[in-house]
Amino acid sequence: MNKYYGIIISLIAGLSTLIGYFTIYIKGNKDKIIGKSLSFSGGVMITLSIIDLIPSSIDSLSKNLSFVLSIVYSFISLLLGYIISKKINLKNNNKLYNVGIISMIGIIIHNIPEGIVTYILSTMNLKLGILFSIAIILHNIPEGIGISIPIYYSTYNKKKAFLYTFISGISEPFGALISMIFLHHYINN
């Protein structure tokens, strides 16, 4: 088990978020770019949630709880996430900017455990880690779009859009680093 494979693979997967950043260079009607970009980004993330994350969470919870209780807990968690995102007060009247910041916060919270899983899989089975990171790369690109487009078009600051997208992407290898420091000695096949 090479602990550096997990870090490198997680770094590549996390930084793929920056590919989404380059959509700010698309020329055209601002409103159409924002609408189409955020629709694409949100559509990919919602589809992944409905097709993969929600059924997986219900299945995992059903191992210890009844099926009905698993659905109730999943729904409560979804509702709680929605309420928390609505209650975050950014003291900024620019709604588009707020969309970018909330997206960044949510993606950071999502990417840290994703980095942990990538690290564990990559150190246990390199081929599996690479396959998993390809799936992550494919959904990290729309995540980068979901951060960079609202930040850029609300501030017209390319550096700020890059920085916020970079921070969300680097949170994935941060999760892998946490794994390397605290979990590496406990990982086995």
Protein backbone atom coordinates (compact mmCIF):
# COMPACT_ATOMS: atom_id res chain seq x y z
CA MET A 1 0.00 0.00 0.00
CA ASN A 2 1.63 3.20 -1.16
CA LYS A 3 0.15 6.09 0.79
CA TYR A 4 1.25 8.64 -1.79
CA TYR A 5 -0.92 7.11 -4.54
CA GLY A 6 -4.00 8.15 -2.61
CA ILE A 7 -2.78 11.72 -2.21
CA ILE A 8 -1.78 12.08 -5.88
CA ILE A 9 -4.99 10.57 -7.24
CA SER A 10 -7.09 12.68 -4.88
CA LEU A 11 -5.15 15.79 -5.89
CA ILE A 12 -5.80 15.12 -9.59
CA ALA A 13 -9.49 14.43 -8.96
CA GLY A 14 -9.87 17.51 -6.75
CA LEU A 15 -8.09 19.87 -9.10
CA SER A 16 -10.26 18.71 -11.98
CA THR A 17 -12.78 21.12 -10.46
CA LEU A 18 -10.68 23.84 -12.09
CA ILE A 19 -11.65 22.56 -15.54
CA GLY A 20 -15.11 23.96 -14.78
CA TYR A 21 -13.50 27.33 -14.03
CA PHE A 22 -12.55 27.78 -17.69
CA THR A 23 -16.22 28.14 -18.64
CA ILE A 24 -15.94 31.78 -17.55
CA TYR A 25 -14.06 32.37 -20.82
CA ILE A 26 -17.09 31.44 -22.94
CA LYS A 27 -18.20 34.49 -24.90
CA GLY A 28 -21.81 35.42 -25.48
CA ASN A 29 -24.95 36.61 -23.77
CA LYS A 30 -24.26 36.79 -20.03
CA ASP A 31 -27.76 35.67 -18.99
CA LYS A 32 -27.74 32.69 -21.34
CA ILE A 33 -24.28 31.61 -20.19
CA ILE A 34 -25.29 31.83 -16.53
CA GLY A 35 -28.59 30.04 -17.11
CA LYS A 36 -27.20 27.22 -19.25
CA SER A 37 -24.10 26.72 -17.12
CA LEU A 38 -25.95 26.57 -13.81
CA SER A 39 -28.67 24.38 -15.35
CA PHE A 40 -26.04 21.93 -16.57
CA SER A 41 -24.13 21.98 -13.29
CA GLY A 42 -27.23 21.63 -11.13
CA GLY A 43 -28.71 18.99 -13.42
CA VAL A 44 -25.61 16.79 -13.15
CA MET A 45 -25.49 17.11 -9.35
CA ILE A 46 -29.22 16.53 -8.86
CA THR A 47 -29.14 13.52 -11.20
CA LEU A 48 -26.23 12.00 -9.30
CA SER A 49 -28.05 12.57 -6.03
CA ILE A 50 -31.26 10.95 -7.23
CA ILE A 51 -29.66 8.06 -9.08
CA ASP A 52 -26.79 7.26 -6.71
CA LEU A 53 -26.52 9.08 -3.41
CA ILE A 54 -30.10 8.88 -2.10
CA PRO A 55 -30.60 5.17 -2.93
CA SER A 56 -27.15 4.35 -1.46
CA SER A 57 -27.91 6.23 1.75
CA ILE A 58 -31.28 4.52 2.15
CA ASP A 59 -29.66 1.13 1.48
CA SER A 60 -26.90 1.79 4.03
CA LEU A 61 -29.34 3.02 6.65
CA SER A 62 -31.65 0.04 6.03
CA LYS A 63 -28.94 -2.31 7.28
CA ASN A 64 -29.45 -0.96 10.81
CA LEU A 65 -32.92 0.61 10.63
CA SER A 66 -36.26 -0.21 9.09
CA PHE A 67 -36.75 0.76 5.45
CA VAL A 68 -39.39 3.38 6.31
CA LEU A 69 -37.20 4.94 9.02
CA SER A 70 -34.29 5.02 6.54
CA ILE A 71 -36.40 6.99 4.08
CA VAL A 72 -37.56 9.35 6.84
CA TYR A 73 -33.96 10.00 7.99
CA SER A 74 -32.82 10.58 4.40
CA PHE A 75 -35.67 13.03 3.81
CA ILE A 76 -34.96 14.85 7.10
CA SER A 77 -31.28 15.16 6.14
CA LEU A 78 -32.21 16.56 2.74
CA LEU A 79 -34.64 19.00 4.31
CA LEU A 80 -32.10 20.04 6.95
CA GLY A 81 -29.50 20.78 4.24
CA TYR A 82 -32.03 22.91 2.40
CA ILE A 83 -33.00 24.83 5.55
CA ILE A 84 -29.38 25.44 6.55
CA SER A 85 -28.51 26.73 3.07
CA LYS A 86 -31.51 29.10 3.22
CA LYS A 87 -30.56 30.36 6.69
CA ILE A 88 -26.96 31.19 5.83
CA ASN A 89 -26.82 34.97 5.91
CA LEU A 90 -23.94 36.20 3.79
CA LYS A 91 -24.70 39.89 4.35
CA ASN A 92 -24.57 40.35 0.60
CA ASN A 93 -27.50 41.41 -1.54
CA ASN A 94 -26.03 39.89 -4.69
CA LYS A 95 -27.99 36.64 -5.09
CA LEU A 96 -25.72 35.29 -7.81
CA TYR A 97 -22.65 35.76 -5.59
CA ASN A 98 -24.48 34.01 -2.75
CA VAL A 99 -25.21 31.05 -5.05
CA GLY A 100 -21.48 30.73 -5.74
CA ILE A 101 -20.52 30.95 -2.05
CA ILE A 102 -23.18 28.45 -0.91
CA SER A 103 -22.13 26.12 -3.74
CA MET A 104 -18.51 26.42 -2.66
CA ILE A 105 -19.34 25.66 0.99
CA GLY A 106 -21.49 22.67 0.04
CA ILE A 107 -18.87 21.29 -2.33
CA ILE A 108 -16.10 21.66 0.27
CA ILE A 109 -18.23 19.73 2.77
CA HIS A 110 -18.83 17.11 0.05
CA ASN A 111 -15.21 16.93 -1.17
CA ILE A 112 -13.51 16.23 2.17
CA PRO A 113 -15.16 12.81 2.67
CA GLU A 114 -14.76 12.16 -1.06
CA GLY A 115 -11.01 12.69 -0.62
CA ILE A 116 -11.01 10.29 2.32
CA VAL A 117 -12.71 7.60 0.22
CA THR A 118 -10.41 8.23 -2.76
CA TYR A 119 -7.37 7.89 -0.51
CA ILE A 120 -8.57 4.66 1.08
CA LEU A 121 -9.55 3.06 -2.25
CA SER A 122 -6.34 4.15 -3.97
CA THR A 123 -4.08 2.78 -1.25
CA MET A 124 -5.98 -0.52 -1.06
CA ASN A 125 -6.41 -1.08 -4.81
CA LEU A 126 -4.80 1.35 -7.22
CA LYS A 127 -6.96 0.31 -10.18
CA LEU A 128 -10.15 0.79 -8.17
CA GLY A 129 -8.88 4.16 -6.91
CA ILE A 130 -8.20 5.33 -10.46
CA LEU A 131 -11.64 4.20 -11.67
CA PHE A 132 -13.28 5.94 -8.72
CA SER A 133 -11.30 9.12 -9.39
CA ILE A 134 -12.45 9.14 -13.04
CA ALA A 135 -16.05 9.22 -11.81
CA ILE A 136 -15.11 12.01 -9.42
CA ILE A 137 -13.37 13.99 -12.17
CA LEU A 138 -16.48 13.79 -14.33
CA HIS A 139 -18.70 15.27 -11.64
CA ASN A 140 -16.10 17.73 -10.32
CA ILE A 141 -16.15 19.62 -13.61
CA PRO A 142 -19.82 20.68 -13.19
CA GLU A 143 -19.03 21.49 -9.54
CA GLY A 144 -16.36 23.92 -10.77
CA ILE A 145 -18.89 25.47 -13.15
CA GLY A 146 -21.36 25.83 -10.27
CA ILE A 147 -18.84 27.91 -8.32
CA SER A 148 -16.90 29.85 -10.95
CA ILE A 149 -19.79 31.09 -13.11
CA PRO A 150 -21.78 32.76 -10.29
CA ILE A 151 -18.65 34.18 -8.65
CA TYR A 152 -17.27 35.54 -11.91
CA TYR A 153 -20.50 37.03 -13.24
CA SER A 154 -21.35 38.63 -9.90
CA THR A 155 -17.90 40.20 -9.41
CA TYR A 156 -16.26 40.11 -12.88
CA ASN A 157 -13.15 39.06 -10.98
CA LYS A 158 -11.38 36.10 -12.65
CA LYS A 159 -8.92 35.73 -9.78
CA LYS A 160 -11.71 35.46 -7.21
CA ALA A 161 -13.56 32.91 -9.36
CA PHE A 162 -10.35 30.90 -9.70
CA LEU A 163 -9.52 31.12 -5.99
CA TYR A 164 -12.96 29.97 -4.81
CA THR A 165 -13.01 27.13 -7.33
CA PHE A 166 -9.47 26.15 -6.32
CA ILE A 167 -10.35 26.14 -2.61
CA SER A 168 -13.28 23.82 -3.21
CA GLY A 169 -11.13 21.52 -5.35
CA ILE A 170 -8.20 21.43 -2.94
CA SER A 171 -10.54 20.32 -0.14
CA GLU A 172 -10.53 16.85 -1.72
CA PRO A 173 -6.80 16.21 -1.30
CA PHE A 174 -7.17 17.79 2.14
CA GLY A 175 -9.54 14.91 2.99
CA ALA A 176 -6.95 12.48 1.61
CA LEU A 177 -4.27 14.11 3.76
CA ILE A 178 -6.48 13.68 6.83
CA SER A 179 -6.75 9.99 5.92
CA MET A 180 -3.02 9.63 5.46
CA ILE A 181 -2.32 11.20 8.84
CA PHE A 182 -5.05 9.57 10.93
CA LEU A 183 -6.27 6.45 9.09
CA HIS A 184 -3.37 5.04 7.07
CA HIS A 185 -2.29 2.54 9.73
CA TYR A 186 -5.83 1.17 10.01
CA ILE A 187 -6.46 0.61 6.29
CA ASN A 188 -6.35 -2.99 5.15
CA ASN A 189 -7.95 -5.14 2.51
